[in-house]
PDB file of all heavy atoms in Angstrom:
ATOM      1  N   TRP A   1      -7.771 -84.656  73.530  1.00  0.00           N
ATOM      2  CA  TRP A   1      -6.616 -83.867  73.961  1.00  0.00           C
ATOM      3  C   TRP A   1      -5.587 -83.745  72.857  1.00  0.00           C
ATOM      4  O   TRP A   1      -4.900 -82.719  72.729  1.00  0.00           O
ATOM      5  CB  TRP A   1      -5.994 -84.477  75.202  1.00  0.00           C
ATOM      6  CG  TRP A   1      -6.917 -84.353  76.394  1.00  0.00           C
ATOM      7  CD1 TRP A   1      -7.674 -85.316  76.988  1.00  0.00           C
ATOM      8  CD2 TRP A   1      -7.197 -83.140  77.109  1.00  0.00           C
ATOM      9  NE1 TRP A   1      -8.417 -84.824  78.009  1.00  0.00           N
ATOM     10  CE2 TRP A   1      -8.147 -83.486  78.114  1.00  0.00           C
ATOM     11  CE3 TRP A   1      -6.737 -81.828  77.013  1.00  0.00           C
ATOM     12  CZ2 TRP A   1      -8.642 -82.546  78.995  1.00  0.00           C
ATOM     13  CZ3 TRP A   1      -7.270 -80.901  77.903  1.00  0.00           C
ATOM     14  CH2 TRP A   1      -8.182 -81.235  78.890  1.00  0.00           C
ATOM     15  N   LEU A   2      -5.438 -84.785  72.017  1.00  0.00           N
ATOM     16  CA  LEU A   2      -4.578 -84.672  70.842  1.00  0.00           C
ATOM     17  C   LEU A   2      -5.119 -83.603  69.879  1.00  0.00           C
ATOM     18  O   LEU A   2      -4.325 -82.856  69.280  1.00  0.00           O
ATOM     19  CB  LEU A   2      -4.468 -86.017  70.127  1.00  0.00           C
ATOM     20  CG  LEU A   2      -3.735 -87.113  70.878  1.00  0.00           C
ATOM     21  CD1 LEU A   2      -3.818 -88.437  70.074  1.00  0.00           C
ATOM     22  CD2 LEU A   2      -2.273 -86.729  71.118  1.00  0.00           C
ATOM     23  N   GLY A   3      -6.454 -83.518  69.798  1.00  0.00           N
ATOM     24  CA  GLY A   3      -7.039 -82.481  68.962  1.00  0.00           C
ATOM     25  C   GLY A   3      -6.802 -81.086  69.529  1.00  0.00           C
ATOM     26  O   GLY A   3      -6.580 -80.131  68.807  1.00  0.00           O
ATOM     27  N   VAL A   4      -6.840 -80.971  70.878  1.00  0.00           N
ATOM     28  CA  VAL A   4      -6.556 -79.688  71.510  1.00  0.00           C
ATOM     29  C   VAL A   4      -5.142 -79.246  71.192  1.00  0.00           C
ATOM     30  O   VAL A   4      -4.882 -78.069  70.859  1.00  0.00           O
ATOM     31  CB  VAL A   4      -6.752 -79.799  73.053  1.00  0.00           C
ATOM     32  CG1 VAL A   4      -6.217 -78.540  73.751  1.00  0.00           C
ATOM     33  CG2 VAL A   4      -8.227 -79.991  73.387  1.00  0.00           C
ATOM     34  N   ILE A   5      -4.175 -80.176  71.329  1.00  0.00           N
ATOM     35  CA  ILE A   5      -2.779 -79.845  71.029  1.00  0.00           C
ATOM     36  C   ILE A   5      -2.616 -79.436  69.588  1.00  0.00           C
ATOM     37  O   ILE A   5      -1.899 -78.481  69.262  1.00  0.00           O
ATOM     38  CB  ILE A   5      -1.874 -81.054  71.375  1.00  0.00           C
ATOM     39  CG1 ILE A   5      -1.907 -81.345  72.882  1.00  0.00           C
ATOM     40  CG2 ILE A   5      -0.449 -80.824  70.884  1.00  0.00           C
ATOM     41  CD1 ILE A   5      -1.193 -82.628  73.292  1.00  0.00           C
ATOM     42  N   HIS A   6      -3.288 -80.147  68.693  1.00  0.00           N
ATOM     43  CA  HIS A   6      -3.175 -79.825  67.261  1.00  0.00           C
ATOM     44  C   HIS A   6      -3.742 -78.437  66.990  1.00  0.00           C
ATOM     45  O   HIS A   6      -3.123 -77.639  66.238  1.00  0.00           O
ATOM     46  CB  HIS A   6      -3.936 -80.827  66.400  1.00  0.00           C
ATOM     47  CG  HIS A   6      -3.866 -80.537  64.927  1.00  0.00           C
ATOM     48  ND1 HIS A   6      -4.739 -79.646  64.309  1.00  0.00           N
ATOM     49  CD2 HIS A   6      -3.042 -81.001  63.952  1.00  0.00           C
ATOM     50  CE1 HIS A   6      -4.431 -79.553  63.033  1.00  0.00           C
ATOM     51  NE2 HIS A   6      -3.421 -80.372  62.772  1.00  0.00           N
ATOM     52  N   GLU A   7      -4.857 -78.077  67.634  1.00  0.00           N
ATOM     53  CA  GLU A   7      -5.437 -76.754  67.396  1.00  0.00           C
ATOM     54  C   GLU A   7      -4.569 -75.658  67.950  1.00  0.00           C
ATOM     55  O   GLU A   7      -4.430 -74.596  67.366  1.00  0.00           O
ATOM     56  CB  GLU A   7      -6.827 -76.678  68.040  1.00  0.00           C
ATOM     57  CG  GLU A   7      -7.880 -77.540  67.357  1.00  0.00           C
ATOM     58  CD  GLU A   7      -8.054 -77.186  65.889  1.00  0.00           C
ATOM     59  OE1 GLU A   7      -8.148 -75.995  65.571  1.00  0.00           O
ATOM     60  OE2 GLU A   7      -8.049 -78.133  65.059  1.00  0.00           O
ATOM     61  N   ILE A   8      -3.902 -75.894  69.083  1.00  0.00           N
ATOM     62  CA  ILE A   8      -2.978 -74.898  69.661  1.00  0.00           C
ATOM     63  C   ILE A   8      -1.827 -74.677  68.663  1.00  0.00           C
ATOM     64  O   ILE A   8      -1.427 -73.527  68.416  1.00  0.00           O
ATOM     65  CB  ILE A   8      -2.445 -75.362  71.024  1.00  0.00           C
ATOM     66  CG1 ILE A   8      -3.596 -75.342  72.062  1.00  0.00           C
ATOM     67  CG2 ILE A   8      -1.296 -74.457  71.497  1.00  0.00           C
ATOM     68  CD1 ILE A   8      -3.197 -75.885  73.417  1.00  0.00           C
ATOM     69  N   ARG A   9      -1.307 -75.778  68.131  1.00  0.00           N
ATOM     70  CA  ARG A   9      -0.213 -75.656  67.151  1.00  0.00           C
ATOM     71  C   ARG A   9      -0.707 -74.972  65.867  1.00  0.00           C
ATOM     72  O   ARG A   9       0.048 -74.197  65.256  1.00  0.00           O
ATOM     73  CB  ARG A   9       0.329 -77.060  66.839  1.00  0.00           C
ATOM     74  CG  ARG A   9       1.129 -77.664  67.987  1.00  0.00           C
ATOM     75  CD  ARG A   9       1.600 -79.078  67.600  1.00  0.00           C
ATOM     76  NE  ARG A   9       2.362 -79.066  66.361  1.00  0.00           N
ATOM     77  CZ  ARG A   9       3.658 -78.810  66.267  1.00  0.00           C
ATOM     78  NH1 ARG A   9       4.340 -78.498  67.355  1.00  0.00           N
ATOM     79  NH2 ARG A   9       4.274 -78.812  65.090  1.00  0.00           N
ATOM     80  N   TRP A  10      -1.943 -75.228  65.471  1.00  0.00           N
ATOM     81  CA  TRP A  10      -2.506 -74.608  64.290  1.00  0.00           C
ATOM     82  C   TRP A  10      -2.635 -73.092  64.468  1.00  0.00           C
ATOM     83  O   TRP A  10      -2.264 -72.319  63.595  1.00  0.00           O
ATOM     84  CB  TRP A  10      -3.868 -75.244  63.966  1.00  0.00           C
ATOM     85  CG  TRP A  10      -4.706 -74.462  62.997  1.00  0.00           C
ATOM     86  CD1 TRP A  10      -5.888 -73.856  63.204  1.00  0.00           C
ATOM     87  CD2 TRP A  10      -4.414 -74.244  61.580  1.00  0.00           C
ATOM     88  NE1 TRP A  10      -6.370 -73.275  62.070  1.00  0.00           N
ATOM     89  CE2 TRP A  10      -5.485 -73.492  61.041  1.00  0.00           C
ATOM     90  CE3 TRP A  10      -3.385 -74.621  60.736  1.00  0.00           C
ATOM     91  CZ2 TRP A  10      -5.533 -73.091  59.724  1.00  0.00           C
ATOM     92  CZ3 TRP A  10      -3.431 -74.216  59.396  1.00  0.00           C
ATOM     93  CH2 TRP A  10      -4.500 -73.462  58.923  1.00  0.00           C
ATOM     94  N   TYR A  11      -3.136 -72.658  65.648  1.00  0.00           N
ATOM     95  CA  TYR A  11      -3.251 -71.220  65.898  1.00  0.00           C
ATOM     96  C   TYR A  11      -1.883 -70.579  66.076  1.00  0.00           C
ATOM     97  O   TYR A  11      -1.754 -69.380  65.827  1.00  0.00           O
ATOM     98  CB  TYR A  11      -4.120 -70.996  67.145  1.00  0.00           C
ATOM     99  CG  TYR A  11      -5.600 -71.127  66.881  1.00  0.00           C
ATOM    100  CD1 TYR A  11      -6.323 -72.246  67.253  1.00  0.00           C
ATOM    101  CD2 TYR A  11      -6.277 -70.080  66.231  1.00  0.00           C
ATOM    102  CE1 TYR A  11      -7.658 -72.341  67.019  1.00  0.00           C
ATOM    103  CE2 TYR A  11      -7.644 -70.182  65.990  1.00  0.00           C
ATOM    104  CZ  TYR A  11      -8.339 -71.313  66.376  1.00  0.00           C
ATOM    105  OH  TYR A  11      -9.661 -71.415  66.113  1.00  0.00           O
ATOM    106  N   ALA A  12      -0.882 -71.350  66.491  1.00  0.00           N
ATOM    107  CA  ALA A  12       0.476 -70.830  66.642  1.00  0.00           C
ATOM    108  C   ALA A  12       1.237 -70.890  65.327  1.00  0.00           C
ATOM    109  O   ALA A  12       2.464 -70.598  65.314  1.00  0.00           O
ATOM    110  CB  ALA A  12       1.207 -71.585  67.740  1.00  0.00           C
ATOM    111  N   MET A  13       0.574 -71.258  64.236  1.00  0.00           N
ATOM    112  CA  MET A  13       1.195 -71.344  62.905  1.00  0.00           C
ATOM    113  C   MET A  13       2.283 -72.444  62.833  1.00  0.00           C
ATOM    114  O   MET A  13       3.240 -72.325  62.063  1.00  0.00           O
ATOM    115  CB  MET A  13       1.816 -70.020  62.492  1.00  0.00           C
ATOM    116  CG  MET A  13       0.850 -68.826  62.523  1.00  0.00           C
ATOM    117  SD  MET A  13      -0.474 -68.988  61.337  1.00  0.00           S
ATOM    118  CE  MET A  13      -1.351 -67.443  61.566  1.00  0.00           C
ATOM    119  N   LEU A  14       2.145 -73.489  63.643  1.00  0.00           N
ATOM    120  CA  LEU A  14       3.104 -74.567  63.625  1.00  0.00           C
ATOM    121  C   LEU A  14       2.615 -75.771  62.850  1.00  0.00           C
ATOM    122  O   LEU A  14       3.342 -76.761  62.677  1.00  0.00           O
ATOM    123  CB  LEU A  14       3.436 -74.974  65.093  1.00  0.00           C
ATOM    124  CG  LEU A  14       4.088 -73.924  65.948  1.00  0.00           C
ATOM    125  CD1 LEU A  14       4.273 -74.438  67.374  1.00  0.00           C
ATOM    126  CD2 LEU A  14       5.425 -73.484  65.375  1.00  0.00           C
ATOM    127  N   GLU A  15       1.357 -75.746  62.418  1.00  0.00           N
ATOM    128  CA  GLU A  15       0.777 -76.790  61.573  1.00  0.00           C
ATOM    129  C   GLU A  15       0.413 -76.212  60.210  1.00  0.00           C
ATOM    130  O   GLU A  15      -0.045 -75.073  60.143  1.00  0.00           O
ATOM    131  CB  GLU A  15      -0.482 -77.380  62.231  1.00  0.00           C
ATOM    132  CG  GLU A  15      -0.256 -78.139  63.525  1.00  0.00           C
ATOM    133  CD  GLU A  15       0.387 -79.489  63.280  1.00  0.00           C
ATOM    134  OE1 GLU A  15       0.436 -79.949  62.108  1.00  0.00           O
ATOM    135  OE2 GLU A  15       0.818 -80.121  64.264  1.00  0.00           O
ATOM    136  N   SER A  16       0.705 -76.973  59.176  1.00  0.00           N
ATOM    137  CA  SER A  16       0.465 -76.485  57.816  1.00  0.00           C
ATOM    138  C   SER A  16      -0.963 -76.672  57.368  1.00  0.00           C
ATOM    139  O   SER A  16      -1.467 -75.960  56.494  1.00  0.00           O
ATOM    140  CB  SER A  16       1.404 -77.177  56.836  1.00  0.00           C
ATOM    141  OG  SER A  16       1.196 -78.585  56.879  1.00  0.00           O
ATOM    142  N   GLU A  17      -1.658 -77.646  57.950  1.00  0.00           N
ATOM    143  CA  GLU A  17      -3.033 -77.932  57.543  1.00  0.00           C
ATOM    144  C   GLU A  17      -3.945 -78.028  58.768  1.00  0.00           C
ATOM    145  O   GLU A  17      -3.568 -78.645  59.761  1.00  0.00           O
ATOM    146  CB  GLU A  17      -3.097 -79.248  56.748  1.00  0.00           C
ATOM    147  CG  GLU A  17      -2.393 -79.200  55.423  1.00  0.00           C
ATOM    148  CD  GLU A  17      -3.088 -78.323  54.409  1.00  0.00           C
ATOM    149  OE1 GLU A  17      -4.302 -78.125  54.536  1.00  0.00           O
ATOM    150  OE2 GLU A  17      -2.394 -77.845  53.500  1.00  0.00           O
ATOM    151  N   PRO A  18      -5.149 -77.496  58.672  1.00  0.00           N
ATOM    152  CA  PRO A  18      -6.086 -77.607  59.765  1.00  0.00           C
ATOM    153  C   PRO A  18      -6.862 -78.916  59.726  1.00  0.00           C
ATOM    154  O   PRO A  18      -6.942 -79.535  58.661  1.00  0.00           O
ATOM    155  CB  PRO A  18      -7.036 -76.441  59.552  1.00  0.00           C
ATOM    156  CG  PRO A  18      -7.104 -76.320  58.038  1.00  0.00           C
ATOM    157  CD  PRO A  18      -5.693 -76.657  57.564  1.00  0.00           C
ATOM    158  N   LYS A  19      -7.379 -79.316  60.841  1.00  0.00           N
ATOM    159  CA  LYS A  19      -8.337 -80.416  60.896  1.00  0.00           C
ATOM    160  C   LYS A  19      -9.714 -79.798  60.883  1.00  0.00           C
ATOM    161  O   LYS A  19      -9.958 -78.796  61.537  1.00  0.00           O
ATOM    162  CB  LYS A  19      -8.147 -81.285  62.151  1.00  0.00           C
ATOM    163  CG  LYS A  19      -6.869 -82.095  62.126  1.00  0.00           C
ATOM    164  CD  LYS A  19      -6.799 -83.010  63.353  1.00  0.00           C
ATOM    165  CE  LYS A  19      -5.536 -83.881  63.307  1.00  0.00           C
ATOM    166  NZ  LYS A  19      -5.438 -84.772  64.501  1.00  0.00           N
ATOM    167  N   LYS A  20     -10.606 -80.402  60.149  1.00  0.00           N
ATOM    168  CA  LYS A  20     -11.958 -79.848  60.022  1.00  0.00           C
ATOM    169  C   LYS A  20     -12.965 -80.702  60.818  1.00  0.00           C
ATOM    170  O   LYS A  20     -12.937 -81.923  60.720  1.00  0.00           O
ATOM    171  CB  LYS A  20     -12.353 -79.774  58.546  1.00  0.00           C
ATOM    172  CG  LYS A  20     -11.477 -78.882  57.712  1.00  0.00           C
ATOM    173  CD  LYS A  20     -11.948 -78.772  56.279  1.00  0.00           C
ATOM    174  CE  LYS A  20     -11.060 -77.843  55.464  1.00  0.00           C
ATOM    175  NZ  LYS A  20     -11.531 -77.702  54.093  1.00  0.00           N
ATOM    176  N   TYR A  21     -13.779 -80.024  61.562  1.00  0.00           N
ATOM    177  CA  TYR A  21     -14.751 -80.675  62.405  1.00  0.00           C
ATOM    178  C   TYR A  21     -16.147 -80.212  61.985  1.00  0.00           C
ATOM    179  O   TYR A  21     -16.334 -79.044  61.694  1.00  0.00           O
ATOM    180  CB  TYR A  21     -14.522 -80.381  63.853  1.00  0.00           C
ATOM    181  CG  TYR A  21     -13.162 -80.814  64.395  1.00  0.00           C
ATOM    182  CD1 TYR A  21     -12.045 -80.000  64.271  1.00  0.00           C
ATOM    183  CD2 TYR A  21     -13.024 -82.071  64.975  1.00  0.00           C
ATOM    184  CE1 TYR A  21     -10.828 -80.409  64.730  1.00  0.00           C
ATOM    185  CE2 TYR A  21     -11.773 -82.493  65.423  1.00  0.00           C
ATOM    186  CZ  TYR A  21     -10.676 -81.667  65.303  1.00  0.00           C
ATOM    187  OH  TYR A  21      -9.459 -82.101  65.760  1.00  0.00           O
ATOM    188  N   SER A  22     -17.102 -81.104  62.063  1.00  0.00           N
ATOM    189  CA  SER A  22     -18.469 -80.718  61.708  1.00  0.00           C
ATOM    190  C   SER A  22     -19.021 -79.754  62.732  1.00  0.00           C
ATOM    191  O   SER A  22     -19.840 -78.884  62.430  1.00  0.00           O
ATOM    192  CB  SER A  22     -19.368 -81.947  61.567  1.00  0.00           C
ATOM    193  OG  SER A  22     -19.342 -82.721  62.759  1.00  0.00           O
ATOM    194  N   GLY A  23     -18.605 -79.902  63.996  1.00  0.00           N
ATOM    195  CA  GLY A  23     -19.011 -79.000  65.064  1.00  0.00           C
ATOM    196  C   GLY A  23     -17.869 -78.138  65.511  1.00  0.00           C
ATOM    197  O   GLY A  23     -17.056 -77.692  64.687  1.00  0.00           O
ATOM    198  N   HIS A  24     -17.750 -77.910  66.798  1.00  0.00           N
ATOM    199  CA  HIS A  24     -16.636 -77.128  67.345  1.00  0.00           C
ATOM    200  C   HIS A  24     -15.373 -78.001  67.364  1.00  0.00           C
ATOM    201  O   HIS A  24     -15.446 -79.216  67.586  1.00  0.00           O
ATOM    202  CB  HIS A  24     -16.939 -76.646  68.758  1.00  0.00           C
ATOM    203  CG  HIS A  24     -18.104 -75.707  68.861  1.00  0.00           C
ATOM    204  ND1 HIS A  24     -18.086 -74.456  68.287  1.00  0.00           N
ATOM    205  CD2 HIS A  24     -19.299 -75.849  69.457  1.00  0.00           C
ATOM    206  CE1 HIS A  24     -19.236 -73.857  68.540  1.00  0.00           C
ATOM    207  NE2 HIS A  24     -20.009 -74.681  69.240  1.00  0.00           N
ATOM    208  N   ASN A  25     -14.221 -77.381  67.171  1.00  0.00           N
ATOM    209  CA  ASN A  25     -12.973 -78.109  67.324  1.00  0.00           C
ATOM    210  C   ASN A  25     -12.667 -78.292  68.800  1.00  0.00           C
ATOM    211  O   ASN A  25     -13.239 -77.590  69.667  1.00  0.00           O
ATOM    212  CB  ASN A  25     -11.825 -77.402  66.578  1.00  0.00           C
ATOM    213  CG  ASN A  25     -11.453 -76.078  67.233  1.00  0.00           C
ATOM    214  OD1 ASN A  25     -11.030 -76.016  68.389  1.00  0.00           O
ATOM    215  ND2 ASN A  25     -11.583 -75.013  66.456  1.00  0.00           N
ATOM    216  N   PRO A  26     -11.803 -79.258  69.186  1.00  0.00           N
ATOM    217  CA  PRO A  26     -11.569 -79.558  70.609  1.00  0.00           C
ATOM    218  C   PRO A  26     -11.122 -78.341  71.433  1.00  0.00           C
ATOM    219  O   PRO A  26     -11.560 -78.211  72.594  1.00  0.00           O
ATOM    220  CB  PRO A  26     -10.469 -80.628  70.527  1.00  0.00           C
ATOM    221  CG  PRO A  26     -10.704 -81.307  69.225  1.00  0.00           C
ATOM    222  CD  PRO A  26     -11.117 -80.188  68.298  1.00  0.00           C
ATOM    223  N   LEU A  27     -10.287 -77.491  70.877  1.00  0.00           N
ATOM    224  CA  LEU A  27      -9.806 -76.327  71.643  1.00  0.00           C
ATOM    225  C   LEU A  27     -10.974 -75.350  71.901  1.00  0.00           C
ATOM    226  O   LEU A  27     -11.079 -74.779  72.975  1.00  0.00           O
ATOM    227  CB  LEU A  27      -8.681 -75.603  70.911  1.00  0.00           C
ATOM    228  CG  LEU A  27      -8.090 -74.372  71.580  1.00  0.00           C
ATOM    229  CD1 LEU A  27      -7.505 -74.769  72.936  1.00  0.00           C
ATOM    230  CD2 LEU A  27      -7.020 -73.739  70.711  1.00  0.00           C
ATOM    231  N   ALA A  28     -11.843 -75.210  70.921  1.00  0.00           N
ATOM    232  CA  ALA A  28     -13.008 -74.318  71.078  1.00  0.00           C
ATOM    233  C   ALA A  28     -13.930 -74.903  72.155  1.00  0.00           C
ATOM    234  O   ALA A  28     -14.509 -74.143  72.960  1.00  0.00           O
ATOM    235  CB  ALA A  28     -13.747 -74.167  69.757  1.00  0.00           C
ATOM    236  N   ILE A  29     -14.156 -76.202  72.126  1.00  0.00           N
ATOM    237  CA  ILE A  29     -15.019 -76.842  73.112  1.00  0.00           C
ATOM    238  C   ILE A  29     -14.456 -76.631  74.538  1.00  0.00           C
ATOM    239  O   ILE A  29     -15.174 -76.233  75.443  1.00  0.00           O
ATOM    240  CB  ILE A  29     -15.117 -78.370  72.848  1.00  0.00           C
ATOM    241  CG1 ILE A  29     -15.915 -78.586  71.545  1.00  0.00           C
ATOM    242  CG2 ILE A  29     -15.774 -79.076  74.017  1.00  0.00           C
ATOM    243  CD1 ILE A  29     -15.974 -80.045  71.145  1.00  0.00           C
ATOM    244  N   LEU A  30     -13.137 -76.851  74.679  1.00  0.00           N
ATOM    245  CA  LEU A  30     -12.506 -76.700  76.008  1.00  0.00           C
ATOM    246  C   LEU A  30     -12.579 -75.260  76.521  1.00  0.00           C
ATOM    247  O   LEU A  30     -12.940 -75.015  77.653  1.00  0.00           O
ATOM    248  CB  LEU A  30     -11.063 -77.160  75.936  1.00  0.00           C
ATOM    249  CG  LEU A  30     -10.304 -77.204  77.263  1.00  0.00           C
ATOM    250  CD1 LEU A  30     -10.931 -78.203  78.223  1.00  0.00           C
ATOM    251  CD2 LEU A  30      -8.825 -77.546  77.028  1.00  0.00           C
TER     252      LEU A  30
END
């Protein structure tokens, strides 16, 4: 869920750096 929140902030341009996942990111999975 922390990953979901981070991805939402990333897509909203509120995070400066993305987290990289070998598979789907948490927001994509959800």
